[in-house]
PDB file of all heavy atoms in Angstrom:
ATOM      1  N   ASP A   1      71.314 -59.980 -29.388  1.00  0.00           N
ATOM      2  CA  ASP A   1      72.111 -61.186 -29.490  1.00  0.00           C
ATOM      3  C   ASP A   1      71.249 -62.245 -30.043  1.00  0.00           C
ATOM      4  O   ASP A   1      70.067 -62.357 -29.786  1.00  0.00           O
ATOM      5  CB  ASP A   1      72.428 -61.633 -28.017  1.00  0.00           C
ATOM      6  CG  ASP A   1      73.353 -60.675 -27.242  1.00  0.00           C
ATOM      7  OD1 ASP A   1      74.301 -60.163 -27.919  1.00  0.00           O
ATOM      8  OD2 ASP A   1      73.124 -60.252 -26.134  1.00  0.00           O
ATOM      9  N   THR A   2      71.915 -63.111 -30.819  1.00  0.00           N
ATOM     10  CA  THR A   2      71.171 -64.168 -31.528  1.00  0.00           C
ATOM     11  C   THR A   2      71.031 -65.324 -30.480  1.00  0.00           C
ATOM     12  O   THR A   2      72.010 -65.728 -29.918  1.00  0.00           O
ATOM     13  CB  THR A   2      71.999 -64.769 -32.713  1.00  0.00           C
ATOM     14  OG1 THR A   2      72.067 -63.742 -33.656  1.00  0.00           O
ATOM     15  CG2 THR A   2      71.329 -65.947 -33.420  1.00  0.00           C
ATOM     16  N   VAL A   3      69.841 -65.692 -30.226  1.00  0.00           N
ATOM     17  CA  VAL A   3      69.492 -66.892 -29.332  1.00  0.00           C
ATOM     18  C   VAL A   3      69.541 -68.161 -30.000  1.00  0.00           C
ATOM     19  O   VAL A   3      70.118 -69.109 -29.540  1.00  0.00           O
ATOM     20  CB  VAL A   3      68.039 -66.635 -28.715  1.00  0.00           C
ATOM     21  CG1 VAL A   3      67.726 -67.676 -27.809  1.00  0.00           C
ATOM     22  CG2 VAL A   3      68.101 -65.289 -27.862  1.00  0.00           C
ATOM     23  N   SER A   4      68.869 -68.171 -31.125  1.00  0.00           N
ATOM     24  CA  SER A   4      68.951 -69.456 -32.055  1.00  0.00           C
ATOM     25  C   SER A   4      68.886 -69.157 -33.497  1.00  0.00           C
ATOM     26  O   SER A   4      68.335 -67.988 -33.901  1.00  0.00           O
ATOM     27  CB  SER A   4      67.870 -70.415 -31.609  1.00  0.00           C
ATOM     28  OG  SER A   4      66.570 -69.844 -31.988  1.00  0.00           O
ATOM     29  N   GLU A   5      69.308 -70.001 -34.420  1.00  0.00           N
ATOM     30  CA  GLU A   5      69.104 -69.809 -35.825  1.00  0.00           C
ATOM     31  C   GLU A   5      69.048 -71.099 -36.400  1.00  0.00           C
ATOM     32  O   GLU A   5      69.697 -72.089 -36.204  1.00  0.00           O
ATOM     33  CB  GLU A   5      70.301 -69.085 -36.348  1.00  0.00           C
ATOM     34  CG  GLU A   5      70.282 -68.638 -37.770  1.00  0.00           C
ATOM     35  CD  GLU A   5      71.368 -67.644 -38.159  1.00  0.00           C
ATOM     36  OE1 GLU A   5      72.327 -67.420 -37.441  1.00  0.00           O
ATOM     37  OE2 GLU A   5      71.265 -67.165 -39.302  1.00  0.00           O
ATOM     38  N   PHE A   6      68.088 -71.194 -37.574  1.00  0.00           N
ATOM     39  CA  PHE A   6      67.918 -72.407 -38.333  1.00  0.00           C
ATOM     40  C   PHE A   6      67.847 -72.133 -39.735  1.00  0.00           C
ATOM     41  O   PHE A   6      67.162 -70.976 -40.127  1.00  0.00           O
ATOM     42  CB  PHE A   6      66.625 -73.077 -37.769  1.00  0.00           C
ATOM     43  CG  PHE A   6      66.114 -74.200 -38.862  1.00  0.00           C
ATOM     44  CD1 PHE A   6      66.670 -75.403 -38.814  1.00  0.00           C
ATOM     45  CD2 PHE A   6      65.152 -73.838 -39.837  1.00  0.00           C
ATOM     46  CE1 PHE A   6      66.274 -76.387 -39.630  1.00  0.00           C
ATOM     47  CE2 PHE A   6      64.829 -74.769 -40.715  1.00  0.00           C
ATOM     48  CZ  PHE A   6      65.353 -76.058 -40.631  1.00  0.00           C
ATOM     49  N   LYS A   7      68.513 -72.848 -40.648  1.00  0.00           N
ATOM     50  CA  LYS A   7      68.374 -72.700 -42.002  1.00  0.00           C
ATOM     51  C   LYS A   7      68.185 -74.100 -42.622  1.00  0.00           C
ATOM     52  O   LYS A   7      68.843 -74.969 -42.306  1.00  0.00           O
ATOM     53  CB  LYS A   7      69.712 -72.171 -42.636  1.00  0.00           C
ATOM     54  CG  LYS A   7      69.979 -70.790 -42.260  1.00  0.00           C
ATOM     55  CD  LYS A   7      71.296 -70.208 -42.937  1.00  0.00           C
ATOM     56  CE  LYS A   7      71.540 -68.760 -42.504  1.00  0.00           C
ATOM     57  NZ  LYS A   7      72.827 -68.326 -43.104  1.00  0.00           N
ATOM     58  N   SER A   8      67.179 -74.163 -43.470  1.00  0.00           N
ATOM     59  CA  SER A   8      66.837 -75.435 -44.136  1.00  0.00           C
ATOM     60  C   SER A   8      68.080 -75.774 -45.072  1.00  0.00           C
ATOM     61  O   SER A   8      68.692 -74.791 -45.603  1.00  0.00           O
ATOM     62  CB  SER A   8      65.646 -75.394 -44.829  1.00  0.00           C
ATOM     63  OG  SER A   8      65.535 -74.434 -45.890  1.00  0.00           O
ATOM     64  N   GLU A   9      68.244 -77.033 -45.489  1.00  0.00           N
ATOM     65  CA  GLU A   9      69.250 -77.468 -46.372  1.00  0.00           C
ATOM     66  C   GLU A   9      69.137 -76.715 -47.733  1.00  0.00           C
ATOM     67  O   GLU A   9      70.204 -76.378 -48.296  1.00  0.00           O
ATOM     68  CB  GLU A   9      69.237 -79.021 -46.596  1.00  0.00           C
ATOM     69  CG  GLU A   9      69.687 -79.608 -45.233  1.00  0.00           C
ATOM     70  CD  GLU A   9      69.770 -81.158 -45.576  1.00  0.00           C
ATOM     71  OE1 GLU A   9      69.933 -81.661 -46.742  1.00  0.00           O
ATOM     72  OE2 GLU A   9      69.661 -82.003 -44.564  1.00  0.00           O
ATOM     73  N   ASP A  10      68.008 -76.606 -48.320  1.00  0.00           N
ATOM     74  CA  ASP A  10      67.850 -75.959 -49.526  1.00  0.00           C
ATOM     75  C   ASP A  10      67.825 -74.262 -49.464  1.00  0.00           C
ATOM     76  O   ASP A  10      67.822 -73.695 -50.426  1.00  0.00           O
ATOM     77  CB  ASP A  10      66.572 -76.387 -50.260  1.00  0.00           C
ATOM     78  CG  ASP A  10      65.199 -76.088 -49.465  1.00  0.00           C
ATOM     79  OD1 ASP A  10      65.427 -75.421 -48.375  1.00  0.00           O
ATOM     80  OD2 ASP A  10      64.188 -76.339 -50.023  1.00  0.00           O
ATOM     81  N   GLY A  11      67.866 -73.773 -48.225  1.00  0.00           N
ATOM     82  CA  GLY A  11      67.943 -72.302 -48.067  1.00  0.00           C
ATOM     83  C   GLY A  11      66.683 -71.700 -48.169  1.00  0.00           C
ATOM     84  O   GLY A  11      66.550 -70.480 -48.088  1.00  0.00           O
ATOM     85  N   ALA A  12      65.557 -72.365 -48.327  1.00  0.00           N
ATOM     86  CA  ALA A  12      64.198 -71.820 -48.520  1.00  0.00           C
ATOM     87  C   ALA A  12      63.697 -71.235 -47.204  1.00  0.00           C
ATOM     88  O   ALA A  12      62.909 -70.290 -47.194  1.00  0.00           O
ATOM     89  CB  ALA A  12      63.318 -72.868 -49.016  1.00  0.00           C
ATOM     90  N   VAL A  13      64.054 -71.820 -46.157  1.00  0.00           N
ATOM     91  CA  VAL A  13      63.564 -71.386 -44.775  1.00  0.00           C
ATOM     92  C   VAL A  13      64.664 -70.931 -43.815  1.00  0.00           C
ATOM     93  O   VAL A  13      65.645 -71.642 -43.835  1.00  0.00           O
ATOM     94  CB  VAL A  13      62.773 -72.517 -44.056  1.00  0.00           C
ATOM     95  CG1 VAL A  13      62.269 -72.112 -42.664  1.00  0.00           C
ATOM     96  CG2 VAL A  13      61.605 -73.006 -44.900  1.00  0.00           C
ATOM     97  N   HIS A  14      64.494 -69.753 -43.311  1.00  0.00           N
ATOM     98  CA  HIS A  14      65.583 -69.235 -42.472  1.00  0.00           C
ATOM     99  C   HIS A  14      64.772 -68.564 -41.192  1.00  0.00           C
ATOM    100  O   HIS A  14      63.998 -67.736 -41.389  1.00  0.00           O
ATOM    101  CB  HIS A  14      66.397 -68.106 -43.187  1.00  0.00           C
ATOM    102  CG  HIS A  14      67.460 -67.623 -42.254  1.00  0.00           C
ATOM    103  ND1 HIS A  14      68.138 -66.488 -42.599  1.00  0.00           N
ATOM    104  CD2 HIS A  14      67.997 -68.071 -41.137  1.00  0.00           C
ATOM    105  CE1 HIS A  14      69.113 -66.234 -41.754  1.00  0.00           C
ATOM    106  NE2 HIS A  14      69.028 -67.160 -40.815  1.00  0.00           N
ATOM    107  N   VAL A  15      65.075 -69.161 -39.922  1.00  0.00           N
ATOM    108  CA  VAL A  15      64.411 -68.638 -38.790  1.00  0.00           C
ATOM    109  C   VAL A  15      65.555 -68.167 -37.891  1.00  0.00           C
ATOM    110  O   VAL A  15      66.496 -68.937 -37.693  1.00  0.00           O
ATOM    111  CB  VAL A  15      63.580 -69.916 -38.061  1.00  0.00           C
ATOM    112  CG1 VAL A  15      62.881 -69.331 -36.780  1.00  0.00           C
ATOM    113  CG2 VAL A  15      62.552 -70.363 -39.021  1.00  0.00           C
ATOM    114  N   ILE A  16      65.416 -67.017 -37.390  1.00  0.00           N
ATOM    115  CA  ILE A  16      66.376 -66.478 -36.383  1.00  0.00           C
ATOM    116  C   ILE A  16      65.691 -65.871 -35.165  1.00  0.00           C
ATOM    117  O   ILE A  16      64.624 -65.056 -35.394  1.00  0.00           O
ATOM    118  CB  ILE A  16      67.303 -65.523 -37.075  1.00  0.00           C
ATOM    119  CG1 ILE A  16      68.536 -65.088 -36.105  1.00  0.00           C
ATOM    120  CG2 ILE A  16      66.625 -64.237 -37.650  1.00  0.00           C
ATOM    121  CD1 ILE A  16      69.684 -64.436 -36.775  1.00  0.00           C
ATOM    122  N   GLU A  17      66.037 -66.127 -34.086  1.00  0.00           N
ATOM    123  CA  GLU A  17      65.569 -65.503 -32.798  1.00  0.00           C
ATOM    124  C   GLU A  17      66.528 -64.795 -32.190  1.00  0.00           C
ATOM    125  O   GLU A  17      67.669 -65.259 -31.901  1.00  0.00           O
ATOM    126  CB  GLU A  17      65.034 -66.725 -31.869  1.00  0.00           C
ATOM    127  CG  GLU A  17      64.195 -66.302 -30.763  1.00  0.00           C
ATOM    128  CD  GLU A  17      63.491 -67.432 -30.093  1.00  0.00           C
ATOM    129  OE1 GLU A  17      63.812 -68.525 -30.290  1.00  0.00           O
ATOM    130  OE2 GLU A  17      62.653 -67.227 -29.214  1.00  0.00           O
ATOM    131  N   ARG A  18      66.157 -63.546 -31.739  1.00  0.00           N
ATOM    132  CA  ARG A  18      67.157 -62.630 -31.157  1.00  0.00           C
ATOM    133  C   ARG A  18      66.503 -62.034 -29.785  1.00  0.00           C
ATOM    134  O   ARG A  18      65.354 -61.849 -29.720  1.00  0.00           O
ATOM    135  CB  ARG A  18      67.391 -61.357 -32.060  1.00  0.00           C
ATOM    136  CG  ARG A  18      68.028 -61.674 -33.256  1.00  0.00           C
ATOM    137  CD  ARG A  18      68.264 -60.380 -34.029  1.00  0.00           C
ATOM    138  NE  ARG A  18      68.993 -60.725 -35.360  1.00  0.00           N
ATOM    139  CZ  ARG A  18      68.444 -60.719 -36.489  1.00  0.00           C
ATOM    140  NH1 ARG A  18      67.142 -60.697 -36.527  1.00  0.00           N
ATOM    141  NH2 ARG A  18      69.173 -60.962 -37.607  1.00  0.00           N
ATOM    142  N   ARG A  19      67.394 -61.729 -28.868  1.00  0.00           N
ATOM    143  CA  ARG A  19      67.142 -61.020 -27.636  1.00  0.00           C
ATOM    144  C   ARG A  19      67.496 -59.629 -27.810  1.00  0.00           C
ATOM    145  O   ARG A  19      68.786 -59.315 -27.991  1.00  0.00           O
ATOM    146  CB  ARG A  19      67.753 -61.693 -26.404  1.00  0.00           C
ATOM    147  CG  ARG A  19      67.504 -61.051 -25.238  1.00  0.00           C
ATOM    148  CD  ARG A  19      68.009 -61.766 -24.010  1.00  0.00           C
ATOM    149  NE  ARG A  19      67.475 -61.270 -22.744  1.00  0.00           N
ATOM    150  CZ  ARG A  19      68.191 -60.630 -21.826  1.00  0.00           C
ATOM    151  NH1 ARG A  19      69.474 -60.273 -22.060  1.00  0.00           N
ATOM    152  NH2 ARG A  19      67.644 -60.201 -20.705  1.00  0.00           N
ATOM    153  N   CYS A  20      66.641 -58.673 -27.859  1.00  0.00           N
ATOM    154  CA  CYS A  20      66.887 -57.246 -28.208  1.00  0.00           C
ATOM    155  C   CYS A  20      66.857 -56.285 -26.967  1.00  0.00           C
ATOM    156  O   CYS A  20      66.021 -56.616 -26.022  1.00  0.00           O
ATOM    157  CB  CYS A  20      65.885 -56.685 -29.294  1.00  0.00           C
ATOM    158  SG  CYS A  20      65.969 -57.725 -30.777  1.00  0.00           S
ATOM    159  N   LYS A  21      67.669 -55.250 -26.953  1.00  0.00           N
ATOM    160  CA  LYS A  21      67.723 -54.370 -25.873  1.00  0.00           C
ATOM    161  C   LYS A  21      67.331 -53.035 -26.414  1.00  0.00           C
ATOM    162  O   LYS A  21      67.943 -52.497 -27.373  1.00  0.00           O
ATOM    163  CB  LYS A  21      69.197 -54.357 -25.449  1.00  0.00           C
ATOM    164  CG  LYS A  21      69.538 -53.527 -24.259  1.00  0.00           C
ATOM    165  CD  LYS A  21      71.049 -53.671 -23.858  1.00  0.00           C
ATOM    166  CE  LYS A  21      71.394 -52.712 -22.809  1.00  0.00           C
ATOM    167  NZ  LYS A  21      72.781 -52.866 -22.427  1.00  0.00           N
ATOM    168  N   LEU A  22      66.430 -52.359 -25.641  1.00  0.00           N
ATOM    169  CA  LEU A  22      65.946 -51.053 -26.111  1.00  0.00           C
ATOM    170  C   LEU A  22      66.165 -50.062 -24.907  1.00  0.00           C
ATOM    171  O   LEU A  22      66.022 -50.465 -23.791  1.00  0.00           O
ATOM    172  CB  LEU A  22      64.377 -51.116 -26.412  1.00  0.00           C
ATOM    173  CG  LEU A  22      63.942 -51.866 -27.503  1.00  0.00           C
ATOM    174  CD1 LEU A  22      62.460 -51.870 -27.649  1.00  0.00           C
ATOM    175  CD2 LEU A  22      64.628 -51.368 -28.793  1.00  0.00           C
ATOM    176  N   ASP A  23      66.443 -48.821 -25.292  1.00  0.00           N
ATOM    177  CA  ASP A  23      66.545 -47.705 -24.284  1.00  0.00           C
ATOM    178  C   ASP A  23      65.175 -47.052 -24.417  1.00  0.00           C
ATOM    179  O   ASP A  23      64.939 -46.442 -25.410  1.00  0.00           O
ATOM    180  CB  ASP A  23      67.669 -46.890 -24.603  1.00  0.00           C
ATOM    181  CG  ASP A  23      67.859 -45.761 -23.474  1.00  0.00           C
ATOM    182  OD1 ASP A  23      67.187 -45.806 -22.554  1.00  0.00           O
ATOM    183  OD2 ASP A  23      68.701 -44.821 -23.723  1.00  0.00           O
ATOM    184  N   VAL A  24      64.412 -47.136 -23.283  1.00  0.00           N
ATOM    185  CA  VAL A  24      63.099 -46.461 -23.303  1.00  0.00           C
ATOM    186  C   VAL A  24      63.229 -45.022 -23.117  1.00  0.00           C
ATOM    187  O   VAL A  24      63.985 -44.529 -22.289  1.00  0.00           O
ATOM    188  CB  VAL A  24      62.196 -47.093 -22.208  1.00  0.00           C
ATOM    189  CG1 VAL A  24      60.915 -46.445 -22.180  1.00  0.00           C
ATOM    190  CG2 VAL A  24      62.106 -48.550 -22.389  1.00  0.00           C
ATOM    191  N   ASP A  25      62.508 -44.241 -23.912  1.00  0.00           N
ATOM    192  CA  ASP A  25      62.594 -42.651 -23.768  1.00  0.00           C
ATOM    193  C   ASP A  25      61.646 -42.278 -22.558  1.00  0.00           C
ATOM    194  O   ASP A  25      60.496 -42.034 -22.728  1.00  0.00           O
ATOM    195  CB  ASP A  25      62.149 -42.086 -25.054  1.00  0.00           C
ATOM    196  CG  ASP A  25      62.284 -40.540 -25.078  1.00  0.00           C
ATOM    197  OD1 ASP A  25      63.111 -40.031 -24.243  1.00  0.00           O
ATOM    198  OD2 ASP A  25      61.609 -39.803 -25.856  1.00  0.00           O
ATOM    199  N   ALA A  26      62.243 -42.368 -21.444  1.00  0.00           N
ATOM    200  CA  ALA A  26      61.445 -41.961 -20.140  1.00  0.00           C
ATOM    201  C   ALA A  26      62.466 -41.260 -19.306  1.00  0.00           C
ATOM    202  O   ALA A  26      63.631 -41.445 -19.272  1.00  0.00           O
ATOM    203  CB  ALA A  26      60.961 -43.197 -19.517  1.00  0.00           C
ATOM    204  N   PRO A  27      61.933 -40.384 -18.439  1.00  0.00           N
ATOM    205  CA  PRO A  27      62.735 -39.637 -17.473  1.00  0.00           C
ATOM    206  C   PRO A  27      63.506 -40.656 -16.475  1.00  0.00           C
ATOM    207  O   PRO A  27      63.002 -41.747 -16.154  1.00  0.00           O
ATOM    208  CB  PRO A  27      61.728 -38.792 -16.567  1.00  0.00           C
ATOM    209  CG  PRO A  27      60.479 -38.726 -17.493  1.00  0.00           C
ATOM    210  CD  PRO A  27      60.508 -39.974 -18.327  1.00  0.00           C
ATOM    211  N   ARG A  28      64.675 -40.315 -16.099  1.00  0.00           N
ATOM    212  CA  ARG A  28      65.433 -41.042 -15.194  1.00  0.00           C
ATOM    213  C   ARG A  28      64.798 -41.504 -13.962  1.00  0.00           C
ATOM    214  O   ARG A  28      64.905 -42.581 -13.514  1.00  0.00           O
ATOM    215  CB  ARG A  28      66.723 -40.336 -14.969  1.00  0.00           C
ATOM    216  CG  ARG A  28      67.804 -41.069 -14.046  1.00  0.00           C
ATOM    217  CD  ARG A  28      68.607 -41.972 -14.995  1.00  0.00           C
ATOM    218  NE  ARG A  28      69.628 -42.663 -14.161  1.00  0.00           N
ATOM    219  CZ  ARG A  28      69.721 -43.959 -14.288  1.00  0.00           C
ATOM    220  NH1 ARG A  28      69.177 -44.729 -15.091  1.00  0.00           N
ATOM    221  NH2 ARG A  28      70.528 -44.632 -13.552  1.00  0.00           N
ATOM    222  N   LEU A  29      64.036 -40.527 -13.435  1.00  0.00           N
ATOM    223  CA  LEU A  29      63.220 -40.955 -12.233  1.00  0.00           C
ATOM    224  C   LEU A  29      62.285 -42.091 -12.339  1.00  0.00           C
ATOM    225  O   LEU A  29      62.151 -42.923 -11.558  1.00  0.00           O
ATOM    226  CB  LEU A  29      62.547 -39.553 -11.643  1.00  0.00           C
ATOM    227  CG  LEU A  29      61.699 -39.823 -10.192  1.00  0.00           C
ATOM    228  CD1 LEU A  29      62.735 -40.334  -9.221  1.00  0.00           C
ATOM    229  CD2 LEU A  29      61.154 -38.565 -10.004  1.00  0.00           C
ATOM    230  N   LEU A  30      61.535 -42.012 -13.501  1.00  0.00           N
ATOM    231  CA  LEU A  30      60.617 -43.112 -13.881  1.00  0.00           C
ATOM    232  C   LEU A  30      61.251 -44.385 -14.106  1.00  0.00           C
ATOM    233  O   LEU A  30      60.896 -45.453 -13.608  1.00  0.00           O
ATOM    234  CB  LEU A  30      59.855 -42.707 -15.056  1.00  0.00           C
ATOM    235  CG  LEU A  30      58.761 -43.607 -15.519  1.00  0.00           C
ATOM    236  CD1 LEU A  30      57.763 -43.807 -14.389  1.00  0.00           C
ATOM    237  CD2 LEU A  30      58.017 -43.137 -16.768  1.00  0.00           C
ATOM    238  N   LYS A  31      62.475 -44.478 -14.687  1.00  0.00           N
ATOM    239  CA  LYS A  31      63.235 -45.614 -14.901  1.00  0.00           C
ATOM    240  C   LYS A  31      63.720 -46.233 -13.485  1.00  0.00           C
ATOM    241  O   LYS A  31      63.641 -47.453 -13.299  1.00  0.00           O
ATOM    242  CB  LYS A  31      64.503 -45.363 -15.640  1.00  0.00           C
ATOM    243  CG  LYS A  31      64.182 -45.173 -17.210  1.00  0.00           C
ATOM    244  CD  LYS A  31      65.482 -44.897 -18.087  1.00  0.00           C
ATOM    245  CE  LYS A  31      65.100 -44.599 -19.428  1.00  0.00           C
ATOM    246  NZ  LYS A  31      66.430 -44.472 -20.234  1.00  0.00           N
ATOM    247  N   ARG A  32      64.096 -45.354 -12.570  1.00  0.00           N
ATOM    248  CA  ARG A  32      64.505 -45.723 -11.188  1.00  0.00           C
ATOM    249  C   ARG A  32      63.217 -46.455 -10.490  1.00  0.00           C
ATOM    250  O   ARG A  32      63.441 -47.350  -9.811  1.00  0.00           O
ATOM    251  CB  ARG A  32      65.005 -44.661 -10.347  1.00  0.00           C
ATOM    252  CG  ARG A  32      66.415 -44.352 -10.629  1.00  0.00           C
ATOM    253  CD  ARG A  32      66.976 -43.361  -9.648  1.00  0.00           C
ATOM    254  NE  ARG A  32      68.294 -43.609  -9.507  1.00  0.00           N
ATOM    255  CZ  ARG A  32      69.128 -42.740  -8.886  1.00  0.00           C
ATOM    256  NH1 ARG A  32      68.538 -41.720  -8.252  1.00  0.00           N
ATOM    257  NH2 ARG A  32      70.452 -43.083  -8.717  1.00  0.00           N
ATOM    258  N   ILE A  33      62.125 -45.833 -10.639  1.00  0.00           N
ATOM    259  CA  ILE A  33      60.910 -46.292  -9.955  1.00  0.00           C
ATOM    260  C   ILE A  33      60.622 -47.621 -10.549  1.00  0.00           C
ATOM    261  O   ILE A  33      60.222 -48.613  -9.807  1.00  0.00           O
ATOM    262  CB  ILE A  33      59.753 -45.336 -10.221  1.00  0.00           C
ATOM    263  CG1 ILE A  33      59.953 -44.077  -9.292  1.00  0.00           C
ATOM    264  CG2 ILE A  33      58.322 -46.031  -9.667  1.00  0.00           C
ATOM    265  CD1 ILE A  33      59.033 -43.022  -9.621  1.00  0.00           C
ATOM    266  N   ALA A  34      60.761 -47.779 -11.802  1.00  0.00           N
ATOM    267  CA  ALA A  34      60.402 -49.106 -12.532  1.00  0.00           C
ATOM    268  C   ALA A  34      61.489 -50.130 -12.257  1.00  0.00           C
ATOM    269  O   ALA A  34      61.271 -51.334 -12.356  1.00  0.00           O
ATOM    270  CB  ALA A  34      60.255 -48.889 -13.932  1.00  0.00           C
ATOM    271  N   GLY A  35      62.650 -49.630 -11.928  1.00  0.00           N
ATOM    272  CA  GLY A  35      63.739 -50.600 -11.640  1.00  0.00           C
ATOM    273  C   GLY A  35      64.541 -51.009 -12.855  1.00  0.00           C
ATOM    274  O   GLY A  35      65.174 -52.125 -12.766  1.00  0.00           O
ATOM    275  N   VAL A  36      64.422 -50.400 -13.876  1.00  0.00           N
ATOM    276  CA  VAL A  36      65.051 -50.770 -15.175  1.00  0.00           C
ATOM    277  C   VAL A  36      65.773 -49.645 -15.946  1.00  0.00           C
ATOM    278  O   VAL A  36      65.211 -48.544 -15.824  1.00  0.00           O
ATOM    279  CB  VAL A  36      64.102 -51.600 -16.227  1.00  0.00           C
ATOM    280  CG1 VAL A  36      63.476 -52.772 -15.561  1.00  0.00           C
ATOM    281  CG2 VAL A  36      63.041 -50.637 -16.629  1.00  0.00           C
ATOM    282  N   ASP A  37      66.746 -49.962 -16.498  1.00  0.00           N
ATOM    283  CA  ASP A  37      67.434 -48.926 -17.423  1.00  0.00           C
ATOM    284  C   ASP A  37      67.071 -49.154 -19.025  1.00  0.00           C
ATOM    285  O   ASP A  37      67.002 -48.357 -19.793  1.00  0.00           O
ATOM    286  CB  ASP A  37      68.951 -48.832 -17.315  1.00  0.00           C
ATOM    287  CG  ASP A  37      69.339 -48.136 -15.971  1.00  0.00           C
ATOM    288  OD1 ASP A  37      68.551 -47.188 -15.669  1.00  0.00           O
ATOM    289  OD2 ASP A  37      70.384 -48.585 -15.362  1.00  0.00           O
ATOM    290  N   TYR A  38      66.905 -50.469 -19.192  1.00  0.00           N
ATOM    291  CA  TYR A  38      66.682 -50.959 -20.488  1.00  0.00           C
ATOM    292  C   TYR A  38      65.532 -51.998 -20.545  1.00  0.00           C
ATOM    293  O   TYR A  38      65.196 -52.549 -19.469  1.00  0.00           O
ATOM    294  CB  TYR A  38      67.893 -51.680 -21.082  1.00  0.00           C
ATOM    295  CG  TYR A  38      69.118 -50.797 -21.178  1.00  0.00           C
ATOM    296  CD1 TYR A  38      70.111 -50.969 -20.221  1.00  0.00           C
ATOM    297  CD2 TYR A  38      69.162 -49.738 -22.060  1.00  0.00           C
ATOM    298  CE1 TYR A  38      71.331 -50.145 -20.299  1.00  0.00           C
ATOM    299  CE2 TYR A  38      70.300 -49.091 -22.193  1.00  0.00           C
ATOM    300  CZ  TYR A  38      71.327 -49.164 -21.162  1.00  0.00           C
ATOM    301  OH  TYR A  38      72.438 -48.350 -21.281  1.00  0.00           O
ATOM    302  N   VAL A  39      64.865 -52.074 -21.645  1.00  0.00           N
ATOM    303  CA  VAL A  39      63.737 -53.014 -21.785  1.00  0.00           C
ATOM    304  C   VAL A  39      64.290 -54.112 -22.777  1.00  0.00           C
ATOM    305  O   VAL A  39      64.845 -53.773 -23.785  1.00  0.00           O
ATOM    306  CB  VAL A  39      62.495 -52.409 -22.405  1.00  0.00           C
ATOM    307  CG1 VAL A  39      61.402 -53.287 -22.749  1.00  0.00           C
ATOM    308  CG2 VAL A  39      62.027 -51.301 -21.474  1.00  0.00           C
ATOM    309  N   TYR A  40      63.944 -55.396 -22.463  1.00  0.00           N
ATOM    310  CA  TYR A  40      64.387 -56.494 -23.327  1.00  0.00           C
ATOM    311  C   TYR A  40      63.164 -57.196 -23.826  1.00  0.00           C
ATOM    312  O   TYR A  40      62.177 -57.277 -23.217  1.00  0.00           O
ATOM    313  CB  TYR A  40      65.237 -57.527 -22.525  1.00  0.00           C
ATOM    314  CG  TYR A  40      66.506 -56.964 -22.065  1.00  0.00           C
ATOM    315  CD1 TYR A  40      66.588 -56.367 -20.814  1.00  0.00           C
ATOM    316  CD2 TYR A  40      67.655 -57.143 -22.852  1.00  0.00           C
ATOM    317  CE1 TYR A  40      67.839 -55.778 -20.410  1.00  0.00           C
ATOM    318  CE2 TYR A  40      68.802 -56.603 -22.404  1.00  0.00           C
ATOM    319  CZ  TYR A  40      68.947 -55.967 -21.119  1.00  0.00           C
ATOM    320  OH  TYR A  40      70.201 -55.410 -20.760  1.00  0.00           O
ATOM    321  N   PHE A  41      63.281 -57.646 -25.148  1.00  0.00           N
ATOM    322  CA  PHE A  41      62.309 -58.401 -25.760  1.00  0.00           C
ATOM    323  C   PHE A  41      62.843 -59.489 -26.658  1.00  0.00           C
ATOM    324  O   PHE A  41      64.005 -59.332 -27.023  1.00  0.00           O
ATOM    325  CB  PHE A  41      61.215 -57.701 -26.475  1.00  0.00           C
ATOM    326  CG  PHE A  41      61.788 -56.925 -27.706  1.00  0.00           C
ATOM    327  CD1 PHE A  41      61.535 -57.507 -28.999  1.00  0.00           C
ATOM    328  CD2 PHE A  41      62.412 -55.714 -27.619  1.00  0.00           C
ATOM    329  CE1 PHE A  41      62.069 -56.948 -30.155  1.00  0.00           C
ATOM    330  CE2 PHE A  41      62.864 -55.136 -28.734  1.00  0.00           C
ATOM    331  CZ  PHE A  41      62.710 -55.690 -30.023  1.00  0.00           C
ATOM    332  N   ILE A  42      62.164 -60.461 -26.901  1.00  0.00           N
ATOM    333  CA  ILE A  42      62.512 -61.674 -27.831  1.00  0.00           C
ATOM    334  C   ILE A  42      61.840 -61.395 -29.116  1.00  0.00           C
ATOM    335  O   ILE A  42      60.654 -61.176 -29.249  1.00  0.00           O
ATOM    336  CB  ILE A  42      62.178 -62.999 -27.248  1.00  0.00           C
ATOM    337  CG1 ILE A  42      62.811 -63.248 -25.791  1.00  0.00           C
ATOM    338  CG2 ILE A  42      62.600 -64.075 -28.191  1.00  0.00           C
ATOM    339  CD1 ILE A  42      64.290 -63.159 -25.832  1.00  0.00           C
ATOM    340  N   GLN A  43      62.544 -61.430 -30.237  1.00  0.00           N
ATOM    341  CA  GLN A  43      62.031 -61.307 -31.661  1.00  0.00           C
ATOM    342  C   GLN A  43      62.417 -62.502 -32.411  1.00  0.00           C
ATOM    343  O   GLN A  43      63.595 -62.892 -32.419  1.00  0.00           O
ATOM    344  CB  GLN A  43      62.564 -60.066 -32.249  1.00  0.00           C
ATOM    345  CG  GLN A  43      61.965 -59.980 -33.666  1.00  0.00           C
ATOM    346  CD  GLN A  43      62.708 -58.658 -34.414  1.00  0.00           C
ATOM    347  OE1 GLN A  43      63.884 -58.460 -34.230  1.00  0.00           O
ATOM    348  NE2 GLN A  43      61.780 -57.922 -34.970  1.00  0.00           N
ATOM    349  N   LYS A  44      61.470 -63.086 -33.093  1.00  0.00           N
ATOM    350  CA  LYS A  44      61.676 -64.260 -33.945  1.00  0.00           C
ATOM    351  C   LYS A  44      61.254 -63.880 -35.321  1.00  0.00           C
ATOM    352  O   LYS A  44      60.104 -63.576 -35.678  1.00  0.00           O
ATOM    353  CB  LYS A  44      60.898 -65.518 -33.492  1.00  0.00           C
ATOM    354  CG  LYS A  44      60.995 -66.783 -34.324  1.00  0.00           C
ATOM    355  CD  LYS A  44      60.215 -67.874 -33.621  1.00  0.00           C
ATOM    356  CE  LYS A  44      60.281 -69.095 -34.401  1.00  0.00           C
ATOM    357  NZ  LYS A  44      59.405 -70.166 -33.835  1.00  0.00           N
TER     358      LYS A  44
END
């Protein structure tokens, strides 16, 4: 999902920040112990 986006008037600078969702390749039991099904990170 796009969190924020900026474009300069002349188009030379473009900054985009996203919240990304990953499915970790781990056994279901390990995911239950960790308490998550997905891992989230912010990318700019």
